[in-house]
Amino acid sequence: MMSFCAAGIAFGQVEVGECILWAIALIFLELSRRQILFTN
């Protein structure tokens, strides 16, 4: 995912802010998934 971001930014196809938002969303998803695993 991050390599896709880096390539997109390098070629000017992806905004940096867009990538940051994606990264934050993925981190939140991962954290919530781990929290669900821990609580069950």
C-alpha atoms as a PDB file:
ATOM      1  CA  MET A   1       0.000   0.000   0.000  1.00  0.00           C
ATOM      2  CA  MET A   2       2.723   2.465   0.939  1.00  0.00           C
ATOM      3  CA  SER A   3       4.734   1.591  -2.170  1.00  0.00           C
ATOM      4  CA  PHE A   4       1.642   2.384  -4.237  1.00  0.00           C
ATOM      5  CA  CYS A   5       1.484   5.721  -2.420  1.00  0.00           C
ATOM      6  CA  ALA A   6       5.148   6.459  -3.033  1.00  0.00           C
ATOM      7  CA  ALA A   7       4.831   5.605  -6.723  1.00  0.00           C
ATOM      8  CA  GLY A   8       1.664   7.704  -7.041  1.00  0.00           C
ATOM      9  CA  ILE A   9       3.304  10.701  -5.403  1.00  0.00           C
ATOM     10  CA  ALA A  10       6.441  10.282  -7.531  1.00  0.00           C
ATOM     11  CA  PHE A  11       4.370  10.328 -10.727  1.00  0.00           C
ATOM     12  CA  GLY A  12       2.123  13.115  -9.451  1.00  0.00           C
ATOM     13  CA  GLN A  13      -1.011  10.979  -9.662  1.00  0.00           C
ATOM     14  CA  VAL A  14      -1.726  10.862  -5.932  1.00  0.00           C
ATOM     15  CA  GLU A  15      -1.909  13.731  -3.457  1.00  0.00           C
ATOM     16  CA  VAL A  16       0.267  13.422  -0.358  1.00  0.00           C
ATOM     17  CA  GLY A  17      -2.691  14.294   1.867  1.00  0.00           C
ATOM     18  CA  GLU A  18      -4.719  11.505   0.287  1.00  0.00           C
ATOM     19  CA  CYS A  19      -1.974   9.025   1.142  1.00  0.00           C
ATOM     20  CA  ILE A  20      -1.794  10.260   4.716  1.00  0.00           C
ATOM     21  CA  LEU A  21      -5.565   9.841   5.084  1.00  0.00           C
ATOM     22  CA  TRP A  22      -5.347   6.308   3.685  1.00  0.00           C
ATOM     23  CA  ALA A  23      -2.497   5.457   6.053  1.00  0.00           C
ATOM     24  CA  ILE A  24      -4.430   6.766   9.078  1.00  0.00           C
ATOM     25  CA  ALA A  25      -7.536   4.832   8.039  1.00  0.00           C
ATOM     26  CA  LEU A  26      -5.535   1.608   7.643  1.00  0.00           C
ATOM     27  CA  ILE A  27      -3.876   2.093  11.041  1.00  0.00           C
ATOM     28  CA  PHE A  28      -7.255   2.634  12.712  1.00  0.00           C
ATOM     29  CA  LEU A  29      -8.653  -0.477  11.035  1.00  0.00           C
ATOM     30  CA  GLU A  30      -5.682  -2.535  12.201  1.00  0.00           C
ATOM     31  CA  LEU A  31      -5.910  -1.209  15.768  1.00  0.00           C
ATOM     32  CA  SER A  32      -9.649  -1.806  16.040  1.00  0.00           C
ATOM     33  CA  ARG A  33      -9.249  -5.321  14.634  1.00  0.00           C
ATOM     34  CA  ARG A  34      -6.564  -6.108  17.215  1.00  0.00           C
ATOM     35  CA  GLN A  35      -8.703  -4.634  19.988  1.00  0.00           C
ATOM     36  CA  ILE A  36     -11.598  -6.872  18.964  1.00  0.00           C
ATOM     37  CA  LEU A  37      -9.264  -9.888  19.055  1.00  0.00           C
ATOM     38  CA  PHE A  38      -8.018  -8.941  22.526  1.00  0.00           C
ATOM     39  CA  THR A  39     -11.452  -8.339  24.030  1.00  0.00           C
ATOM     40  CA  ASN A  40     -12.891 -11.636  22.780  1.00  0.00           C
END
